[in-house]
């Protein structure tokens, strides 16, 4: 007979940690958006500011790596 308890426990833990990671990532992105004195959307989309797009993507990747490391323990 298959024991479902370890699987369910791991599944619930994965879902909880994923939600915590998504919330942390969203909160940090909102903080970045509030701190910048200009509109990120306007600068990237309308003004075609490639340097800013690369910078924001680097920040996003860095935050993702940090959150992943924190979740893995």
C-alpha atoms as a PDB file:
ATOM      1  CA  UNK A   1       0.000   0.000   0.000  1.00  0.00           C
ATOM      2  CA  UNK A   2       1.233   3.476  -0.870  1.00  0.00           C
ATOM      3  CA  UNK A   3       1.690   5.907   2.002  1.00  0.00           C
ATOM      4  CA  UNK A   4       0.424   9.320   0.949  1.00  0.00           C
ATOM      5  CA  UNK A   5       1.427  11.232   4.092  1.00  0.00           C
ATOM      6  CA  UNK A   6       5.026  12.054   3.053  1.00  0.00           C
ATOM      7  CA  UNK A   7       3.895  13.066  -0.424  1.00  0.00           C
ATOM      8  CA  UNK A   8       1.106  15.306   0.855  1.00  0.00           C
ATOM      9  CA  UNK A   9       3.428  16.851   3.443  1.00  0.00           C
ATOM     10  CA  UNK A  10       6.046  17.646   0.773  1.00  0.00           C
ATOM     11  CA  UNK A  11       3.390  18.978  -1.598  1.00  0.00           C
ATOM     12  CA  UNK A  12       1.907  21.306   1.025  1.00  0.00           C
ATOM     13  CA  UNK A  13       5.379  22.531   2.011  1.00  0.00           C
ATOM     14  CA  UNK A  14       6.233  23.225  -1.638  1.00  0.00           C
ATOM     15  CA  UNK A  15       3.022  25.177  -2.175  1.00  0.00           C
ATOM     16  CA  UNK A  16       3.491  27.217   1.011  1.00  0.00           C
ATOM     17  CA  UNK A  17       7.133  28.041   0.222  1.00  0.00           C
ATOM     18  CA  UNK A  18       6.224  28.942  -3.363  1.00  0.00           C
ATOM     19  CA  UNK A  19       3.530  31.337  -2.173  1.00  0.00           C
ATOM     20  CA  UNK A  20       5.902  32.905   0.358  1.00  0.00           C
ATOM     21  CA  UNK A  21       8.511  33.349  -2.378  1.00  0.00           C
ATOM     22  CA  UNK A  22       6.030  34.938  -4.768  1.00  0.00           C
ATOM     23  CA  UNK A  23       4.798  37.350  -2.092  1.00  0.00           C
ATOM     24  CA  UNK A  24       8.371  38.314  -1.151  1.00  0.00           C
ATOM     25  CA  UNK A  25       9.276  38.850  -4.797  1.00  0.00           C
ATOM     26  CA  UNK A  26       6.178  40.971  -5.467  1.00  0.00           C
ATOM     27  CA  UNK A  27       6.793  43.069  -2.357  1.00  0.00           C
ATOM     28  CA  UNK A  28      10.399  43.705  -3.307  1.00  0.00           C
ATOM     29  CA  UNK A  29       9.403  44.695  -6.835  1.00  0.00           C
ATOM     30  CA  UNK A  30       6.800  47.121  -5.457  1.00  0.00           C
ATOM     31  CA  UNK A  31       9.482  48.644  -3.233  1.00  0.00           C
ATOM     32  CA  UNK A  32      11.796  49.061  -6.229  1.00  0.00           C
ATOM     33  CA  UNK A  33       8.967  50.685  -8.159  1.00  0.00           C
ATOM     34  CA  UNK A  34       8.241  53.100  -5.290  1.00  0.00           C
ATOM     35  CA  UNK A  35      11.898  54.045  -4.774  1.00  0.00           C
ATOM     36  CA  UNK A  36      12.609  54.983  -8.376  1.00  0.00           C
ATOM     37  CA  UNK A  37      11.809  58.645  -9.096  1.00  0.00           C
ATOM     38  CA  UNK A  38      10.500  57.874 -12.596  1.00  0.00           C
ATOM     39  CA  UNK A  39       8.044  55.511 -14.249  1.00  0.00           C
ATOM     40  CA  UNK A  40       9.713  52.191 -14.995  1.00  0.00           C
ATOM     41  CA  UNK A  41       7.074  51.312 -17.579  1.00  0.00           C
ATOM     42  CA  UNK A  42       7.466  54.592 -19.456  1.00  0.00           C
ATOM     43  CA  UNK A  43      11.265  54.416 -19.438  1.00  0.00           C
ATOM     44  CA  UNK A  44      11.413  50.827 -20.682  1.00  0.00           C
ATOM     45  CA  UNK A  45       8.447  50.700 -23.077  1.00  0.00           C
ATOM     46  CA  UNK A  46       8.139  54.191 -24.506  1.00  0.00           C
ATOM     47  CA  UNK A  47      11.694  55.538 -24.230  1.00  0.00           C
ATOM     48  CA  UNK A  48      13.306  52.165 -25.078  1.00  0.00           C
ATOM     49  CA  UNK A  49      15.774  52.462 -22.177  1.00  0.00           C
ATOM     50  CA  UNK A  50      17.675  49.193 -22.643  1.00  0.00           C
ATOM     51  CA  UNK A  51      20.105  49.865 -19.805  1.00  0.00           C
ATOM     52  CA  UNK A  52      17.249  50.215 -17.332  1.00  0.00           C
ATOM     53  CA  UNK A  53      15.621  47.035 -18.630  1.00  0.00           C
ATOM     54  CA  UNK A  54      18.879  45.128 -18.145  1.00  0.00           C
ATOM     55  CA  UNK A  55      19.275  46.592 -14.651  1.00  0.00           C
ATOM     56  CA  UNK A  56      15.729  45.676 -13.598  1.00  0.00           C
ATOM     57  CA  UNK A  57      16.087  42.162 -15.039  1.00  0.00           C
ATOM     58  CA  UNK A  58      19.346  41.746 -13.088  1.00  0.00           C
ATOM     59  CA  UNK A  59      17.583  42.808  -9.903  1.00  0.00           C
ATOM     60  CA  UNK A  60      14.753  40.362 -10.626  1.00  0.00           C
ATOM     61  CA  UNK A  61      17.201  37.494 -11.180  1.00  0.00           C
ATOM     62  CA  UNK A  62      19.147  38.405  -8.044  1.00  0.00           C
ATOM     63  CA  UNK A  63      16.000  38.500  -5.926  1.00  0.00           C
ATOM     64  CA  UNK A  64      14.879  35.186  -7.363  1.00  0.00           C
ATOM     65  CA  UNK A  65      18.194  33.536  -6.502  1.00  0.00           C
ATOM     66  CA  UNK A  66      18.136  34.933  -2.968  1.00  0.00           C
ATOM     67  CA  UNK A  67      14.528  33.860  -2.353  1.00  0.00           C
ATOM     68  CA  UNK A  68      15.253  30.398  -3.754  1.00  0.00           C
ATOM     69  CA  UNK A  69      18.283  30.004  -1.506  1.00  0.00           C
ATOM     70  CA  UNK A  70      16.258  31.147   1.512  1.00  0.00           C
ATOM     71  CA  UNK A  71      13.489  28.674   0.761  1.00  0.00           C
ATOM     72  CA  UNK A  72      15.878  25.753   0.209  1.00  0.00           C
ATOM     73  CA  UNK A  73      17.604  26.477   3.504  1.00  0.00           C
END
